[in-house]
Amino acid sequence: MIRLRRDLMPDDPVVLFAASVTRPGRHDALTALTAGRPVLVLAEGPLMYFEPDELRFFLGSRPYAVAHPKADSTA
């Protein structure tokens, strides 16, 4: 889906970032990509398929709030 959106829509001002949400290191890659700009993270659908430990890692680590102090998370 990300590839199709990239083909149909320009990256500016939207930047699409495809990554495994359970892969270690995604936080560093996202932080480097955003360079201090506001970030909106959408997790449309996959959370219901997570194992409990994966969900705790994704939600509990709050990496975006750490990387972006003005971040707000909404449940």
PDB file of N, CA and C in Angstrom:
ATOM      1  N   MET A   1       0.821  -1.183   0.000  1.00  0.00           N
ATOM      2  CA  MET A   1       0.000   0.000   0.000  1.00  0.00           C
ATOM      3  C   MET A   1       0.873   1.257   0.000  1.00  0.00           C
ATOM      4  N   ILE A   2       1.940   1.239   0.766  1.00  0.00           N
ATOM      5  CA  ILE A   2       2.827   2.403   0.819  1.00  0.00           C
ATOM      6  C   ILE A   2       3.407   2.683  -0.567  1.00  0.00           C
ATOM      7  N   ARG A   3       3.805   1.646  -1.271  1.00  0.00           N
ATOM      8  CA  ARG A   3       4.378   1.829  -2.613  1.00  0.00           C
ATOM      9  C   ARG A   3       3.364   2.490  -3.545  1.00  0.00           C
ATOM     10  N   LEU A   4       2.107   2.059  -3.498  1.00  0.00           N
ATOM     11  CA  LEU A   4       1.065   2.648  -4.337  1.00  0.00           C
ATOM     12  C   LEU A   4       0.848   4.118  -3.988  1.00  0.00           C
ATOM     13  N   ARG A   5       0.793   4.428  -2.696  1.00  0.00           N
ATOM     14  CA  ARG A   5       0.606   5.825  -2.287  1.00  0.00           C
ATOM     15  C   ARG A   5       1.769   6.692  -2.745  1.00  0.00           C
ATOM     16  N   ARG A   6       2.977   6.164  -2.666  1.00  0.00           N
ATOM     17  CA  ARG A   6       4.145   6.929  -3.131  1.00  0.00           C
ATOM     18  C   ARG A   6       4.067   7.191  -4.635  1.00  0.00           C
ATOM     19  N   ASP A   7       3.554   6.206  -5.375  1.00  0.00           N
ATOM     20  CA  ASP A   7       3.426   6.384  -6.824  1.00  0.00           C
ATOM     21  C   ASP A   7       2.373   7.426  -7.176  1.00  0.00           C
ATOM     22  N   LEU A   8       1.323   7.520  -6.365  1.00  0.00           N
ATOM     23  CA  LEU A   8       0.199   8.399  -6.676  1.00  0.00           C
ATOM     24  C   LEU A   8       0.284   9.772  -6.031  1.00  0.00           C
ATOM     25  N   MET A   9       1.011   9.879  -4.925  1.00  0.00           N
ATOM     26  CA  MET A   9       1.054  11.137  -4.177  1.00  0.00           C
ATOM     27  C   MET A   9       2.497  11.570  -3.950  1.00  0.00           C
ATOM     28  N   PRO A  10       2.793  12.840  -4.117  1.00  0.00           N
ATOM     29  CA  PRO A  10       4.153  13.317  -3.825  1.00  0.00           C
ATOM     30  C   PRO A  10       4.438  13.262  -2.325  1.00  0.00           C
ATOM     31  N   ASP A  11       5.712  13.171  -1.974  1.00  0.00           N
ATOM     32  CA  ASP A  11       6.112  13.099  -0.565  1.00  0.00           C
ATOM     33  C   ASP A  11       5.956  14.415   0.183  1.00  0.00           C
ATOM     34  N   ASP A  12       5.963  15.515  -0.508  1.00  0.00           N
ATOM     35  CA  ASP A  12       5.930  16.798   0.188  1.00  0.00           C
ATOM     36  C   ASP A  12       4.508  17.306   0.287  1.00  0.00           C
ATOM     37  N   PRO A  13       3.968  17.649   1.419  1.00  0.00           N
ATOM     38  CA  PRO A  13       4.597  17.711   2.729  1.00  0.00           C
ATOM     39  C   PRO A  13       4.483  16.413   3.526  1.00  0.00           C
ATOM     40  N   VAL A  14       3.861  15.390   2.962  1.00  0.00           N
ATOM     41  CA  VAL A  14       3.667  14.125   3.667  1.00  0.00           C
ATOM     42  C   VAL A  14       4.825  13.190   3.348  1.00  0.00           C
ATOM     43  N   VAL A  15       5.373  12.557   4.379  1.00  0.00           N
ATOM     44  CA  VAL A  15       6.420  11.564   4.195  1.00  0.00           C
ATOM     45  C   VAL A  15       5.877  10.240   4.702  1.00  0.00           C
ATOM     46  N   LEU A  16       5.870   9.235   3.850  1.00  0.00           N
ATOM     47  CA  LEU A  16       5.396   7.912   4.240  1.00  0.00           C
ATOM     48  C   LEU A  16       6.582   7.096   4.720  1.00  0.00           C
ATOM     49  N   PHE A  17       6.406   6.440   5.853  1.00  0.00           N
ATOM     50  CA  PHE A  17       7.482   5.672   6.476  1.00  0.00           C
ATOM     51  C   PHE A  17       6.953   4.268   6.723  1.00  0.00           C
ATOM     52  N   ALA A  18       7.407   3.313   5.954  1.00  0.00           N
ATOM     53  CA  ALA A  18       6.969   1.924   6.111  1.00  0.00           C
ATOM     54  C   ALA A  18       7.995   1.181   6.954  1.00  0.00           C
ATOM     55  N   ALA A  19       7.532   0.582   8.048  1.00  0.00           N
ATOM     56  CA  ALA A  19       8.433  -0.174   8.915  1.00  0.00           C
ATOM     57  C   ALA A  19       7.628  -1.147   9.749  1.00  0.00           C
ATOM     58  N   SER A  20       8.272  -2.186  10.172  1.00  0.00           N
ATOM     59  CA  SER A  20       7.643  -3.114  11.097  1.00  0.00           C
ATOM     60  C   SER A  20       7.544  -2.436  12.456  1.00  0.00           C
ATOM     61  N   VAL A  21       6.354  -2.406  13.025  1.00  0.00           N
ATOM     62  CA  VAL A  21       6.184  -1.733  14.313  1.00  0.00           C
ATOM     63  C   VAL A  21       6.776  -2.532  15.460  1.00  0.00           C
ATOM     64  N   THR A  22       7.148  -3.790  15.210  1.00  0.00           N
ATOM     65  CA  THR A  22       7.763  -4.597  16.262  1.00  0.00           C
ATOM     66  C   THR A  22       9.276  -4.705  16.094  1.00  0.00           C
ATOM     67  N   ARG A  23       9.822  -4.069  15.055  1.00  0.00           N
ATOM     68  CA  ARG A  23      11.263  -4.158  14.798  1.00  0.00           C
ATOM     69  C   ARG A  23      12.035  -3.173  15.662  1.00  0.00           C
ATOM     70  N   PRO A  24      12.991  -3.652  16.430  1.00  0.00           N
ATOM     71  CA  PRO A  24      13.842  -2.715  17.168  1.00  0.00           C
ATOM     72  C   PRO A  24      14.568  -1.794  16.188  1.00  0.00           C
ATOM     73  N   GLY A  25      14.753  -0.557  16.572  1.00  0.00           N
ATOM     74  CA  GLY A  25      15.458   0.392  15.726  1.00  0.00           C
ATOM     75  C   GLY A  25      14.551   1.291  14.915  1.00  0.00           C
ATOM     76  N   ARG A  26      13.257   0.984  14.876  1.00  0.00           N
ATOM     77  CA  ARG A  26      12.359   1.829  14.079  1.00  0.00           C
ATOM     78  C   ARG A  26      12.270   3.228  14.656  1.00  0.00           C
ATOM     79  N   HIS A  27      12.429   3.355  15.971  1.00  0.00           N
ATOM     80  CA  HIS A  27      12.359   4.669  16.614  1.00  0.00           C
ATOM     81  C   HIS A  27      13.481   5.576  16.120  1.00  0.00           C
ATOM     82  N   ASP A  28      14.682   5.024  16.043  1.00  0.00           N
ATOM     83  CA  ASP A  28      15.828   5.813  15.579  1.00  0.00           C
ATOM     84  C   ASP A  28      15.644   6.234  14.125  1.00  0.00           C
ATOM     85  N   ALA A  29      15.143   5.326  13.310  1.00  0.00           N
ATOM     86  CA  ALA A  29      14.931   5.643  11.892  1.00  0.00           C
ATOM     87  C   ALA A  29      13.871   6.728  11.734  1.00  0.00           C
ATOM     88  N   LEU A  30      12.803   6.650  12.513  1.00  0.00           N
ATOM     89  CA  LEU A  30      11.745   7.659  12.427  1.00  0.00           C
ATOM     90  C   LEU A  30      12.243   9.006  12.936  1.00  0.00           C
ATOM     91  N   THR A  31      12.996   9.004  14.016  1.00  0.00           N
ATOM     92  CA  THR A  31      13.537  10.250  14.559  1.00  0.00           C
ATOM     93  C   THR A  31      14.470  10.921  13.554  1.00  0.00           C
ATOM     94  N   ALA A  32      15.319  10.135  12.902  1.00  0.00           N
ATOM     95  CA  ALA A  32      16.229  10.693  11.895  1.00  0.00           C
ATOM     96  C   ALA A  32      15.452  11.251  10.702  1.00  0.00           C
ATOM     97  N   LEU A  33      14.386  10.583  10.329  1.00  0.00           N
ATOM     98  CA  LEU A  33      13.592  11.014   9.179  1.00  0.00           C
ATOM     99  C   LEU A  33      12.838  12.309   9.449  1.00  0.00           C
ATOM    100  N   THR A  34      12.343  12.476  10.663  1.00  0.00           N
ATOM    101  CA  THR A  34      11.491  13.629  10.964  1.00  0.00           C
ATOM    102  C   THR A  34      12.280  14.883  11.298  1.00  0.00           C
ATOM    103  N   ALA A  35      13.487  14.755  11.774  1.00  0.00           N
ATOM    104  CA  ALA A  35      14.365  15.898  12.063  1.00  0.00           C
ATOM    105  C   ALA A  35      13.659  17.009  12.837  1.00  0.00           C
ATOM    106  N   GLY A  36      12.950  16.631  13.903  1.00  0.00           N
ATOM    107  CA  GLY A  36      12.313  17.622  14.763  1.00  0.00           C
ATOM    108  C   GLY A  36      10.977  18.151  14.285  1.00  0.00           C
ATOM    109  N   ARG A  37      10.487  17.669  13.145  1.00  0.00           N
ATOM    110  CA  ARG A  37       9.185  18.121  12.636  1.00  0.00           C
ATOM    111  C   ARG A  37       8.063  17.373  13.346  1.00  0.00           C
ATOM    112  N   PRO A  38       6.852  17.929  13.340  1.00  0.00           N
ATOM    113  CA  PRO A  38       5.712  17.218  13.938  1.00  0.00           C
ATOM    114  C   PRO A  38       5.490  15.875  13.241  1.00  0.00           C
ATOM    115  N   VAL A  39       5.042  14.891  14.014  1.00  0.00           N
ATOM    116  CA  VAL A  39       4.855  13.534  13.497  1.00  0.00           C
ATOM    117  C   VAL A  39       3.467  13.035  13.875  1.00  0.00           C
ATOM    118  N   LEU A  40       2.803  12.397  12.937  1.00  0.00           N
ATOM    119  CA  LEU A  40       1.541  11.711  13.193  1.00  0.00           C
ATOM    120  C   LEU A  40       1.765  10.250  12.864  1.00  0.00           C
ATOM    121  N   VAL A  41       1.581   9.381  13.856  1.00  0.00           N
ATOM    122  CA  VAL A  41       1.757   7.949  13.653  1.00  0.00           C
ATOM    123  C   VAL A  41       0.377   7.317  13.599  1.00  0.00           C
ATOM    124  N   LEU A  42       0.080   6.638  12.500  1.00  0.00           N
ATOM    125  CA  LEU A  42      -1.186   5.936  12.343  1.00  0.00           C
ATOM    126  C   LEU A  42      -0.924   4.439  12.371  1.00  0.00           C
ATOM    127  N   ALA A  43      -1.663   3.738  13.197  1.00  0.00           N
ATOM    128  CA  ALA A  43      -1.585   2.276  13.246  1.00  0.00           C
ATOM    129  C   ALA A  43      -2.989   1.767  12.936  1.00  0.00           C
ATOM    130  N   GLU A  44      -3.311   1.737  11.670  1.00  0.00           N
ATOM    131  CA  GLU A  44      -4.656   1.402  11.236  1.00  0.00           C
ATOM    132  C   GLU A  44      -4.821  -0.101  11.081  1.00  0.00           C
ATOM    133  N   GLY A  45      -5.312  -0.732  12.123  1.00  0.00           N
ATOM    134  CA  GLY A  45      -5.641  -2.139  12.013  1.00  0.00           C
ATOM    135  C   GLY A  45      -4.689  -3.140  12.628  1.00  0.00           C
ATOM    136  N   PRO A  46      -3.375  -2.954  12.571  1.00  0.00           N
ATOM    137  CA  PRO A  46      -2.499  -4.049  12.986  1.00  0.00           C
ATOM    138  C   PRO A  46      -2.494  -4.333  14.485  1.00  0.00           C
ATOM    139  N   LEU A  47      -2.857  -3.367  15.300  1.00  0.00           N
ATOM    140  CA  LEU A  47      -2.746  -3.567  16.749  1.00  0.00           C
ATOM    141  C   LEU A  47      -3.571  -4.750  17.241  1.00  0.00           C
ATOM    142  N   MET A  48      -4.687  -5.033  16.611  1.00  0.00           N
ATOM    143  CA  MET A  48      -5.525  -6.149  17.074  1.00  0.00           C
ATOM    144  C   MET A  48      -4.860  -7.501  16.820  1.00  0.00           C
ATOM    145  N   TYR A  49      -3.852  -7.537  15.980  1.00  0.00           N
ATOM    146  CA  TYR A  49      -3.157  -8.787  15.679  1.00  0.00           C
ATOM    147  C   TYR A  49      -1.896  -8.982  16.516  1.00  0.00           C
ATOM    148  N   PHE A  50      -1.546  -8.013  17.322  1.00  0.00           N
ATOM    149  CA  PHE A  50      -0.332  -8.103  18.129  1.00  0.00           C
ATOM    150  C   PHE A  50      -0.495  -9.120  19.249  1.00  0.00           C
ATOM    151  N   GLU A  51       0.600  -9.769  19.556  1.00  0.00           N
ATOM    152  CA  GLU A  51       0.682 -10.558  20.782  1.00  0.00           C
ATOM    153  C   GLU A  51       0.796  -9.559  21.936  1.00  0.00           C
ATOM    154  N   PRO A  52       0.399  -9.950  23.153  1.00  0.00           N
ATOM    155  CA  PRO A  52       0.450  -9.006  24.279  1.00  0.00           C
ATOM    156  C   PRO A  52       1.814  -8.335  24.470  1.00  0.00           C
ATOM    157  N   ASP A  53       2.900  -9.084  24.337  1.00  0.00           N
ATOM    158  CA  ASP A  53       4.228  -8.486  24.512  1.00  0.00           C
ATOM    159  C   ASP A  53       4.539  -7.469  23.416  1.00  0.00           C
ATOM    160  N   GLU A  54       4.100  -7.741  22.195  1.00  0.00           N
ATOM    161  CA  GLU A  54       4.320  -6.797  21.100  1.00  0.00           C
ATOM    162  C   GLU A  54       3.538  -5.507  21.326  1.00  0.00           C
ATOM    163  N   LEU A  55       2.317  -5.637  21.813  1.00  0.00           N
ATOM    164  CA  LEU A  55       1.493  -4.457  22.078  1.00  0.00           C
ATOM    165  C   LEU A  55       2.092  -3.617  23.205  1.00  0.00           C
ATOM    166  N   ARG A  56       2.562  -4.281  24.259  1.00  0.00           N
ATOM    167  CA  ARG A  56       3.207  -3.544  25.356  1.00  0.00           C
ATOM    168  C   ARG A  56       4.449  -2.812  24.857  1.00  0.00           C
ATOM    169  N   PHE A  57       5.223  -3.474  23.997  1.00  0.00           N
ATOM    170  CA  PHE A  57       6.420  -2.833  23.442  1.00  0.00           C
ATOM    171  C   PHE A  57       6.032  -1.596  22.644  1.00  0.00           C
ATOM    172  N   PHE A  58       5.020  -1.724  21.793  1.00  0.00           N
ATOM    173  CA  PHE A  58       4.622  -0.611  20.932  1.00  0.00           C
ATOM    174  C   PHE A  58       4.021   0.538  21.727  1.00  0.00           C
ATOM    175  N   LEU A  59       3.112   0.236  22.637  1.00  0.00           N
ATOM    176  CA  LEU A  59       2.428   1.288  23.389  1.00  0.00           C
ATOM    177  C   LEU A  59       3.174   1.709  24.647  1.00  0.00           C
ATOM    178  N   GLY A  60       3.801   0.765  25.297  1.00  0.00           N
ATOM    179  CA  GLY A  60       4.419   1.039  26.583  1.00  0.00           C
ATOM    180  C   GLY A  60       5.739   1.758  26.519  1.00  0.00           C
ATOM    181  N   SER A  61       6.463   1.609  25.424  1.00  0.00           N
ATOM    182  CA  SER A  61       7.783   2.227  25.355  1.00  0.00           C
ATOM    183  C   SER A  61       7.710   3.721  25.091  1.00  0.00           C
ATOM    184  N   ARG A  62       6.611   4.199  24.502  1.00  0.00           N
ATOM    185  CA  ARG A  62       6.378   5.612  24.212  1.00  0.00           C
ATOM    186  C   ARG A  62       7.601   6.282  23.590  1.00  0.00           C
ATOM    187  N   PRO A  63       8.212   5.660  22.587  1.00  0.00           N
ATOM    188  CA  PRO A  63       9.433   6.231  22.007  1.00  0.00           C
ATOM    189  C   PRO A  63       9.208   7.567  21.333  1.00  0.00           C
ATOM    190  N   TYR A  64       8.028   7.791  20.783  1.00  0.00           N
ATOM    191  CA  TYR A  64       7.782   9.032  20.057  1.00  0.00           C
ATOM    192  C   TYR A  64       7.703  10.209  21.016  1.00  0.00           C
ATOM    193  N   ALA A  65       7.147   9.991  22.195  1.00  0.00           N
ATOM    194  CA  ALA A  65       7.085  11.060  23.187  1.00  0.00           C
ATOM    195  C   ALA A  65       8.485  11.397  23.701  1.00  0.00           C
ATOM    196  N   VAL A  66       9.336  10.401  23.770  1.00  0.00           N
ATOM    197  CA  VAL A  66      10.709  10.643  24.203  1.00  0.00           C
ATOM    198  C   VAL A  66      11.475  11.387  23.111  1.00  0.00           C
ATOM    199  N   ALA A  67      11.325  10.930  21.873  1.00  0.00           N
ATOM    200  CA  ALA A  67      12.042  11.558  20.765  1.00  0.00           C
ATOM    201  C   ALA A  67      11.479  12.932  20.436  1.00  0.00           C
ATOM    202  N   HIS A  68      10.205  13.108  20.703  1.00  0.00           N
ATOM    203  CA  HIS A  68       9.519  14.359  20.383  1.00  0.00           C
ATOM    204  C   HIS A  68       8.787  14.825  21.645  1.00  0.00           C
ATOM    205  N   PRO A  69       9.438  15.624  22.502  1.00  0.00           N
ATOM    206  CA  PRO A  69       8.881  15.999  23.801  1.00  0.00           C
ATOM    207  C   PRO A  69       7.495  16.630  23.742  1.00  0.00           C
ATOM    208  N   LYS A  70       7.106  17.233  22.629  1.00  0.00           N
ATOM    209  CA  LYS A  70       5.784  17.846  22.540  1.00  0.00           C
ATOM    210  C   LYS A  70       4.734  16.864  22.036  1.00  0.00           C
ATOM    211  N   ALA A  71       5.102  15.596  21.939  1.00  0.00           N
ATOM    212  CA  ALA A  71       4.184  14.590  21.407  1.00  0.00           C
ATOM    213  C   ALA A  71       3.012  14.369  22.349  1.00  0.00           C
ATOM    214  N   ASP A  72       1.904  13.992  21.760  1.00  0.00           N
ATOM    215  CA  ASP A  72       0.700  13.660  22.509  1.00  0.00           C
ATOM    216  C   ASP A  72       0.223  12.310  22.011  1.00  0.00           C
ATOM    217  N   SER A  73      -0.061  11.397  22.923  1.00  0.00           N
ATOM    218  CA  SER A  73      -0.589  10.102  22.496  1.00  0.00           C
ATOM    219  C   SER A  73      -2.045  10.010  22.912  1.00  0.00           C
ATOM    220  N   THR A  74      -2.851   9.503  22.025  1.00  0.00           N
ATOM    221  CA  THR A  74      -4.276   9.367  22.275  1.00  0.00           C
ATOM    222  C   THR A  74      -4.647   7.910  22.110  1.00  0.00           C
ATOM    223  N   ALA A  75      -5.305   7.371  23.106  1.00  0.00           N
ATOM    224  CA  ALA A  75      -5.715   5.966  23.037  1.00  0.00           C
ATOM    225  C   ALA A  75      -7.080   5.850  22.429  1.00  0.00           C
TER     226      ALA A  75
END
